[in-house]
Amino acid sequence: MKKMILTMLAIFIFATGLSFAQSQETKESSLSYRNIPIYRVLDHKDVYIVLYSKHGVNVGKVMIPKRWYTEKPKKLQIRRLDKGLDAFMTVVYKDGEFYKAILTTPNPKTGDVWAVAEAYTDIGDAANAETLEIEF
């Protein structure tokens, strides 16, 4: 009798759990991202000039305003990558629109990936950009 009651109780709990699990809706995240290998980050007075791998054989160039690093909400994050790994940039999109860029490099601003851009480098209006236009 005890075994039958315990069995019925176990079945009831299992069935309740299944019905609860089925009633839960799964929601997809509105965020997506793309990781891109980077070759060099040139530090300019107003922007970071990022040279990145484009289709694995070409080199692309994108300029990221430095003010994005200090604005709220941040559109730029720079993080340290462990030694021996290759630098990359993560471009995050929210609902298909640019959301933020994350530069991941060994020894931020002092490693082999970092260099200083010439002072006369023409950056156009890149320092005032509100979004990141990048070709993959």
N, C-alpha and C. Protein backbone atom coordinates (compact mmCIF):
# COMPACT_ATOMS: atom_id res chain seq x y z
N MET A 1 0.83 -1.18 0.00
CA MET A 1 0.00 0.00 0.00
C MET A 1 0.88 1.26 0.00
N LYS A 2 1.94 1.25 0.84
CA LYS A 2 2.84 2.41 0.90
C LYS A 2 3.55 2.61 -0.44
N LYS A 3 3.96 1.50 -1.07
CA LYS A 3 4.64 1.59 -2.35
C LYS A 3 3.72 2.19 -3.40
N MET A 4 2.45 1.80 -3.37
CA MET A 4 1.50 2.31 -4.35
C MET A 4 1.27 3.80 -4.13
N ILE A 5 1.17 4.24 -2.91
CA ILE A 5 0.97 5.66 -2.61
C ILE A 5 2.20 6.47 -3.02
N LEU A 6 3.38 5.95 -2.71
CA LEU A 6 4.62 6.63 -3.10
C LEU A 6 4.76 6.68 -4.62
N THR A 7 4.38 5.60 -5.30
CA THR A 7 4.43 5.58 -6.76
C THR A 7 3.47 6.60 -7.34
N MET A 8 2.26 6.65 -6.82
CA MET A 8 1.26 7.62 -7.30
C MET A 8 1.73 9.06 -7.05
N LEU A 9 2.32 9.28 -5.88
CA LEU A 9 2.84 10.60 -5.55
C LEU A 9 3.97 10.99 -6.51
N ALA A 10 4.86 10.06 -6.82
CA ALA A 10 5.96 10.32 -7.74
C ALA A 10 5.42 10.63 -9.14
N ILE A 11 4.43 9.89 -9.59
CA ILE A 11 3.82 10.13 -10.90
C ILE A 11 3.16 11.50 -10.92
N PHE A 12 2.48 11.86 -9.85
CA PHE A 12 1.81 13.16 -9.77
C PHE A 12 2.83 14.30 -9.84
N ILE A 13 3.90 14.17 -9.11
CA ILE A 13 4.95 15.20 -9.11
C ILE A 13 5.59 15.30 -10.50
N PHE A 14 5.87 14.16 -11.11
CA PHE A 14 6.46 14.14 -12.44
C PHE A 14 5.53 14.79 -13.46
N ALA A 15 4.24 14.45 -13.42
CA ALA A 15 3.26 15.00 -14.36
C ALA A 15 3.10 16.51 -14.14
N THR A 16 3.10 16.95 -12.90
CA THR A 16 3.01 18.38 -12.61
C THR A 16 4.22 19.11 -13.17
N GLY A 17 5.38 18.53 -13.00
CA GLY A 17 6.61 19.13 -13.53
C GLY A 17 6.58 19.24 -15.04
N LEU A 18 6.09 18.21 -15.72
CA LEU A 18 5.99 18.23 -17.18
C LEU A 18 5.01 19.30 -17.66
N SER A 19 3.88 19.39 -17.00
CA SER A 19 2.89 20.38 -17.43
C SER A 19 3.41 21.80 -17.19
N PHE A 20 4.16 21.99 -16.11
CA PHE A 20 4.74 23.30 -15.84
C PHE A 20 5.80 23.64 -16.88
N ALA A 21 6.62 22.66 -17.24
CA ALA A 21 7.67 22.88 -18.21
C ALA A 21 7.09 23.22 -19.58
N GLN A 22 6.00 22.59 -19.95
CA GLN A 22 5.39 22.86 -21.25
C GLN A 22 4.74 24.24 -21.29
N SER A 23 4.30 24.74 -20.15
CA SER A 23 3.63 26.04 -20.15
C SER A 23 4.62 27.20 -20.20
N GLN A 24 5.89 26.94 -19.94
CA GLN A 24 6.91 27.98 -20.00
C GLN A 24 7.23 28.29 -21.46
N GLU A 25 7.23 29.57 -21.80
CA GLU A 25 7.60 29.99 -23.14
C GLU A 25 9.09 30.28 -23.18
N THR A 26 9.74 29.87 -24.25
CA THR A 26 11.15 30.20 -24.41
C THR A 26 11.23 31.52 -25.17
N LYS A 27 12.08 32.38 -24.70
CA LYS A 27 12.25 33.68 -25.33
C LYS A 27 13.65 33.77 -25.91
N GLU A 28 13.72 34.22 -27.13
CA GLU A 28 15.02 34.41 -27.76
C GLU A 28 15.58 35.75 -27.33
N SER A 29 16.87 35.80 -27.20
CA SER A 29 17.54 37.04 -26.82
C SER A 29 17.48 38.04 -27.98
N SER A 30 17.40 39.30 -27.63
CA SER A 30 17.43 40.34 -28.66
C SER A 30 18.87 40.69 -29.02
N LEU A 31 19.83 40.09 -28.32
CA LEU A 31 21.25 40.36 -28.57
C LEU A 31 21.86 39.29 -29.46
N SER A 32 22.74 39.72 -30.35
CA SER A 32 23.56 38.81 -31.14
C SER A 32 24.95 39.43 -31.24
N TYR A 33 25.94 38.65 -31.64
CA TYR A 33 27.29 39.19 -31.70
C TYR A 33 28.08 38.54 -32.83
N ARG A 34 29.18 39.19 -33.14
CA ARG A 34 30.11 38.66 -34.14
C ARG A 34 31.53 38.91 -33.64
N ASN A 35 32.35 37.86 -33.57
CA ASN A 35 33.76 37.99 -33.19
C ASN A 35 34.60 38.12 -34.45
N ILE A 36 35.50 39.10 -34.44
CA ILE A 36 36.31 39.40 -35.62
C ILE A 36 37.78 39.47 -35.20
N PRO A 37 38.67 38.69 -35.82
CA PRO A 37 40.10 38.79 -35.51
C PRO A 37 40.63 40.18 -35.86
N ILE A 38 41.45 40.74 -34.98
CA ILE A 38 42.04 42.05 -35.28
C ILE A 38 43.56 41.93 -35.36
N TYR A 39 44.13 42.74 -36.26
CA TYR A 39 45.57 42.75 -36.47
C TYR A 39 46.25 43.85 -35.68
N ARG A 40 45.62 45.02 -35.64
CA ARG A 40 46.27 46.18 -35.03
C ARG A 40 45.21 47.17 -34.58
N VAL A 41 45.49 47.85 -33.47
CA VAL A 41 44.66 48.96 -32.99
C VAL A 41 45.57 50.17 -32.91
N LEU A 42 45.25 51.18 -33.71
CA LEU A 42 46.04 52.42 -33.73
C LEU A 42 45.35 53.44 -32.84
N ASP A 43 46.10 53.96 -31.90
CA ASP A 43 45.57 54.93 -30.94
C ASP A 43 45.75 56.33 -31.51
N HIS A 44 44.65 57.00 -31.76
CA HIS A 44 44.63 58.37 -32.26
C HIS A 44 44.06 59.25 -31.15
N LYS A 45 44.23 60.53 -31.26
CA LYS A 45 43.75 61.46 -30.24
C LYS A 45 42.26 61.28 -29.93
N ASP A 46 41.43 61.08 -30.96
CA ASP A 46 39.98 61.03 -30.78
C ASP A 46 39.34 59.67 -31.06
N VAL A 47 40.05 58.79 -31.74
CA VAL A 47 39.47 57.49 -32.12
C VAL A 47 40.50 56.37 -31.97
N TYR A 48 39.98 55.16 -31.95
CA TYR A 48 40.80 53.97 -32.12
C TYR A 48 40.57 53.49 -33.54
N ILE A 49 41.65 53.30 -34.28
CA ILE A 49 41.57 52.79 -35.64
C ILE A 49 41.88 51.30 -35.57
N VAL A 50 40.90 50.48 -35.89
CA VAL A 50 41.04 49.03 -35.76
C VAL A 50 41.19 48.42 -37.14
N LEU A 51 42.30 47.69 -37.33
CA LEU A 51 42.53 46.94 -38.56
C LEU A 51 42.16 45.49 -38.28
N TYR A 52 41.20 44.97 -39.01
CA TYR A 52 40.64 43.66 -38.71
C TYR A 52 40.62 42.74 -39.93
N SER A 53 40.43 41.46 -39.69
CA SER A 53 40.37 40.47 -40.75
C SER A 53 39.00 40.50 -41.42
N LYS A 54 39.03 40.66 -42.72
CA LYS A 54 37.80 40.74 -43.50
C LYS A 54 37.77 39.57 -44.47
N HIS A 55 36.86 38.65 -44.29
CA HIS A 55 36.74 37.44 -45.10
C HIS A 55 38.00 36.57 -45.02
N GLY A 56 38.79 36.72 -43.97
CA GLY A 56 39.95 35.88 -43.77
C GLY A 56 41.17 36.23 -44.60
N VAL A 57 41.02 37.03 -45.66
CA VAL A 57 42.17 37.34 -46.51
C VAL A 57 42.38 38.84 -46.70
N ASN A 58 41.36 39.63 -46.50
CA ASN A 58 41.47 41.08 -46.67
C ASN A 58 41.57 41.76 -45.31
N VAL A 59 42.00 43.01 -45.34
CA VAL A 59 42.09 43.80 -44.11
C VAL A 59 41.06 44.92 -44.18
N GLY A 60 40.22 45.00 -43.16
CA GLY A 60 39.24 46.07 -43.07
C GLY A 60 39.71 47.10 -42.04
N LYS A 61 39.13 48.28 -42.11
CA LYS A 61 39.49 49.34 -41.16
C LYS A 61 38.21 49.98 -40.66
N VAL A 62 38.14 50.15 -39.34
CA VAL A 62 36.99 50.82 -38.73
C VAL A 62 37.52 51.77 -37.66
N MET A 63 36.86 52.90 -37.51
CA MET A 63 37.25 53.88 -36.50
C MET A 63 36.19 53.93 -35.40
N ILE A 64 36.66 53.79 -34.16
CA ILE A 64 35.76 53.77 -33.01
C ILE A 64 36.06 55.00 -32.16
N PRO A 65 35.07 55.87 -31.94
CA PRO A 65 35.30 57.06 -31.11
C PRO A 65 35.70 56.70 -29.67
N LYS A 66 36.70 57.38 -29.16
CA LYS A 66 37.15 57.13 -27.78
C LYS A 66 36.08 57.52 -26.75
N ARG A 67 35.23 58.48 -27.09
CA ARG A 67 34.22 58.92 -26.14
C ARG A 67 33.24 57.80 -25.80
N TRP A 68 33.11 56.80 -26.67
CA TRP A 68 32.22 55.67 -26.38
C TRP A 68 32.67 54.92 -25.13
N TYR A 69 33.95 55.01 -24.79
CA TYR A 69 34.49 54.30 -23.63
C TYR A 69 34.02 54.93 -22.32
N THR A 70 33.76 56.23 -22.34
CA THR A 70 33.38 56.93 -21.10
C THR A 70 31.91 57.29 -21.03
N GLU A 71 31.20 57.25 -22.16
CA GLU A 71 29.78 57.58 -22.15
C GLU A 71 28.96 56.55 -21.39
N LYS A 72 27.79 56.95 -20.97
CA LYS A 72 26.84 56.02 -20.36
C LYS A 72 25.64 55.95 -21.27
N PRO A 73 25.18 54.84 -21.70
CA PRO A 73 25.79 53.52 -21.56
C PRO A 73 27.02 53.39 -22.47
N LYS A 74 27.97 52.59 -22.02
CA LYS A 74 29.20 52.41 -22.78
C LYS A 74 28.92 51.68 -24.09
N LYS A 75 29.48 52.22 -25.16
CA LYS A 75 29.40 51.55 -26.45
C LYS A 75 30.73 50.87 -26.78
N LEU A 76 31.75 51.11 -25.94
CA LEU A 76 33.06 50.51 -26.15
C LEU A 76 33.58 49.97 -24.84
N GLN A 77 34.06 48.75 -24.91
CA GLN A 77 34.70 48.12 -23.75
C GLN A 77 36.04 47.56 -24.22
N ILE A 78 37.06 47.73 -23.39
CA ILE A 78 38.37 47.18 -23.71
C ILE A 78 38.72 46.21 -22.59
N ARG A 79 39.02 44.97 -22.98
CA ARG A 79 39.34 43.98 -21.95
C ARG A 79 40.63 43.24 -22.31
N ARG A 80 41.23 42.69 -21.28
CA ARG A 80 42.53 42.03 -21.40
C ARG A 80 42.34 40.58 -21.83
N LEU A 81 43.19 40.16 -22.74
CA LEU A 81 43.21 38.78 -23.22
C LEU A 81 44.48 38.12 -22.70
N ASP A 82 44.38 36.88 -22.28
CA ASP A 82 45.55 36.17 -21.78
C ASP A 82 46.62 36.05 -22.86
N LYS A 83 47.87 36.01 -22.40
CA LYS A 83 49.01 35.93 -23.31
C LYS A 83 48.92 34.67 -24.16
N GLY A 84 49.36 34.80 -25.40
CA GLY A 84 49.38 33.65 -26.29
C GLY A 84 48.13 33.49 -27.14
N LEU A 85 47.09 34.23 -26.85
CA LEU A 85 45.86 34.17 -27.64
C LEU A 85 45.81 35.36 -28.59
N ASP A 86 45.08 35.20 -29.66
CA ASP A 86 45.00 36.27 -30.67
C ASP A 86 43.93 37.29 -30.30
N ALA A 87 44.20 38.54 -30.62
CA ALA A 87 43.27 39.63 -30.33
C ALA A 87 42.04 39.53 -31.22
N PHE A 88 40.91 39.99 -30.69
CA PHE A 88 39.69 40.01 -31.48
C PHE A 88 38.77 41.12 -31.01
N MET A 89 37.82 41.45 -31.86
CA MET A 89 36.82 42.46 -31.54
C MET A 89 35.46 41.78 -31.60
N THR A 90 34.64 42.04 -30.60
CA THR A 90 33.28 41.54 -30.60
C THR A 90 32.35 42.71 -30.88
N VAL A 91 31.53 42.56 -31.90
CA VAL A 91 30.53 43.58 -32.23
C VAL A 91 29.18 43.01 -31.81
N VAL A 92 28.52 43.71 -30.89
CA VAL A 92 27.25 43.24 -30.33
C VAL A 92 26.11 44.04 -30.96
N TYR A 93 25.07 43.32 -31.35
CA TYR A 93 23.89 43.94 -31.95
C TYR A 93 22.68 43.67 -31.06
N LYS A 94 21.80 44.65 -30.96
CA LYS A 94 20.55 44.49 -30.22
C LYS A 94 19.42 44.77 -31.19
N ASP A 95 18.57 43.79 -31.38
CA ASP A 95 17.48 43.89 -32.35
C ASP A 95 17.99 44.28 -33.74
N GLY A 96 19.15 43.74 -34.11
CA GLY A 96 19.72 43.97 -35.43
C GLY A 96 20.47 45.28 -35.60
N GLU A 97 20.48 46.13 -34.58
CA GLU A 97 21.17 47.42 -34.64
C GLU A 97 22.44 47.36 -33.79
N PHE A 98 23.47 48.12 -34.18
CA PHE A 98 24.70 48.15 -33.39
C PHE A 98 24.41 48.54 -31.95
N TYR A 99 25.02 47.81 -31.01
CA TYR A 99 24.82 48.07 -29.59
C TYR A 99 26.13 48.46 -28.90
N LYS A 100 27.19 47.64 -29.08
CA LYS A 100 28.48 47.96 -28.48
C LYS A 100 29.59 47.17 -29.15
N ALA A 101 30.82 47.65 -28.95
CA ALA A 101 32.01 46.97 -29.45
C ALA A 101 32.91 46.64 -28.26
N ILE A 102 33.51 45.47 -28.31
CA ILE A 102 34.42 45.05 -27.25
C ILE A 102 35.75 44.67 -27.89
N LEU A 103 36.82 45.38 -27.52
CA LEU A 103 38.16 45.07 -28.00
C LEU A 103 38.82 44.18 -26.96
N THR A 104 39.25 43.00 -27.37
CA THR A 104 39.91 42.06 -26.47
C THR A 104 41.32 41.85 -26.99
N THR A 105 42.30 42.40 -26.25
CA THR A 105 43.70 42.36 -26.70
C THR A 105 44.60 41.99 -25.53
N PRO A 106 45.76 41.39 -25.84
CA PRO A 106 46.73 41.16 -24.77
C PRO A 106 47.27 42.50 -24.27
N ASN A 107 47.40 42.66 -23.00
CA ASN A 107 47.92 43.88 -22.38
C ASN A 107 47.36 45.14 -23.05
N PRO A 108 46.09 45.45 -22.76
CA PRO A 108 45.47 46.61 -23.41
C PRO A 108 46.36 47.85 -23.41
N LYS A 109 46.45 48.44 -24.57
CA LYS A 109 47.16 49.68 -24.86
C LYS A 109 48.68 49.59 -24.75
N THR A 110 49.24 48.43 -24.39
CA THR A 110 50.69 48.32 -24.34
C THR A 110 51.21 47.10 -25.09
N GLY A 111 50.34 46.20 -25.50
CA GLY A 111 50.77 44.97 -26.16
C GLY A 111 51.18 45.18 -27.60
N ASP A 112 51.57 44.10 -28.26
CA ASP A 112 52.03 44.16 -29.65
C ASP A 112 50.94 44.61 -30.62
N VAL A 113 49.69 44.42 -30.25
CA VAL A 113 48.58 44.79 -31.13
C VAL A 113 48.41 46.29 -31.19
N TRP A 114 48.83 47.00 -30.16
CA TRP A 114 48.61 48.45 -30.07
C TRP A 114 49.75 49.23 -30.70
N ALA A 115 49.40 50.32 -31.36
CA ALA A 115 50.38 51.25 -31.93
C ALA A 115 49.77 52.64 -31.91
N VAL A 116 50.57 53.62 -32.18
CA VAL A 116 50.10 55.00 -32.19
C VAL A 116 49.94 55.46 -33.64
N ALA A 117 48.78 56.03 -33.93
CA ALA A 117 48.53 56.54 -35.27
C ALA A 117 49.26 57.87 -35.45
N GLU A 118 49.64 58.15 -36.67
CA GLU A 118 50.28 59.42 -36.97
C GLU A 118 49.31 60.55 -36.66
N ALA A 119 49.81 61.66 -36.14
CA ALA A 119 48.95 62.79 -35.74
C ALA A 119 48.18 63.36 -36.92
N TYR A 120 48.74 63.28 -38.11
CA TYR A 120 48.09 63.85 -39.28
C TYR A 120 47.08 62.89 -39.95
N THR A 121 46.85 61.72 -39.37
CA THR A 121 45.91 60.76 -39.94
C THR A 121 44.52 61.38 -40.05
N ASP A 122 43.95 61.30 -41.24
CA ASP A 122 42.62 61.87 -41.49
C ASP A 122 41.56 60.92 -40.95
N ILE A 123 40.83 61.37 -39.94
CA ILE A 123 39.77 60.55 -39.38
C ILE A 123 38.39 61.05 -39.79
N GLY A 124 38.35 62.14 -40.53
CA GLY A 124 37.07 62.67 -40.99
C GLY A 124 36.17 63.01 -39.80
N ASP A 125 34.94 62.55 -39.87
CA ASP A 125 33.96 62.82 -38.82
C ASP A 125 33.78 61.61 -37.90
N ALA A 126 34.74 60.69 -37.89
CA ALA A 126 34.62 59.44 -37.13
C ALA A 126 34.47 59.65 -35.63
N ALA A 127 35.05 60.73 -35.10
CA ALA A 127 34.98 60.98 -33.66
C ALA A 127 33.55 61.30 -33.20
N ASN A 128 32.70 61.71 -34.13
CA ASN A 128 31.32 62.06 -33.79
C ASN A 128 30.32 60.97 -34.16
N ALA A 129 30.80 59.82 -34.58
CA ALA A 129 29.90 58.74 -35.00
C ALA A 129 29.04 58.24 -33.84
N GLU A 130 27.83 57.83 -34.17
CA GLU A 130 26.91 57.30 -33.16
C GLU A 130 26.71 55.79 -33.30
N THR A 131 27.15 55.24 -34.44
CA THR A 131 27.03 53.82 -34.67
C THR A 131 28.28 53.31 -35.36
N LEU A 132 28.45 52.02 -35.38
CA LEU A 132 29.63 51.40 -35.99
C LEU A 132 29.22 50.77 -37.31
N GLU A 133 29.77 51.27 -38.39
CA GLU A 133 29.54 50.71 -39.71
C GLU A 133 30.74 49.84 -40.04
N ILE A 134 30.53 48.53 -40.13
CA ILE A 134 31.63 47.62 -40.35
C ILE A 134 31.25 46.61 -41.43
N GLU A 135 32.20 46.32 -42.31
CA GLU A 135 32.01 45.32 -43.35
C GLU A 135 32.72 44.05 -42.93
N PHE A 136 32.04 42.95 -43.06
CA PHE A 136 32.65 41.67 -42.72
C PHE A 136 33.15 41.05 -43.99
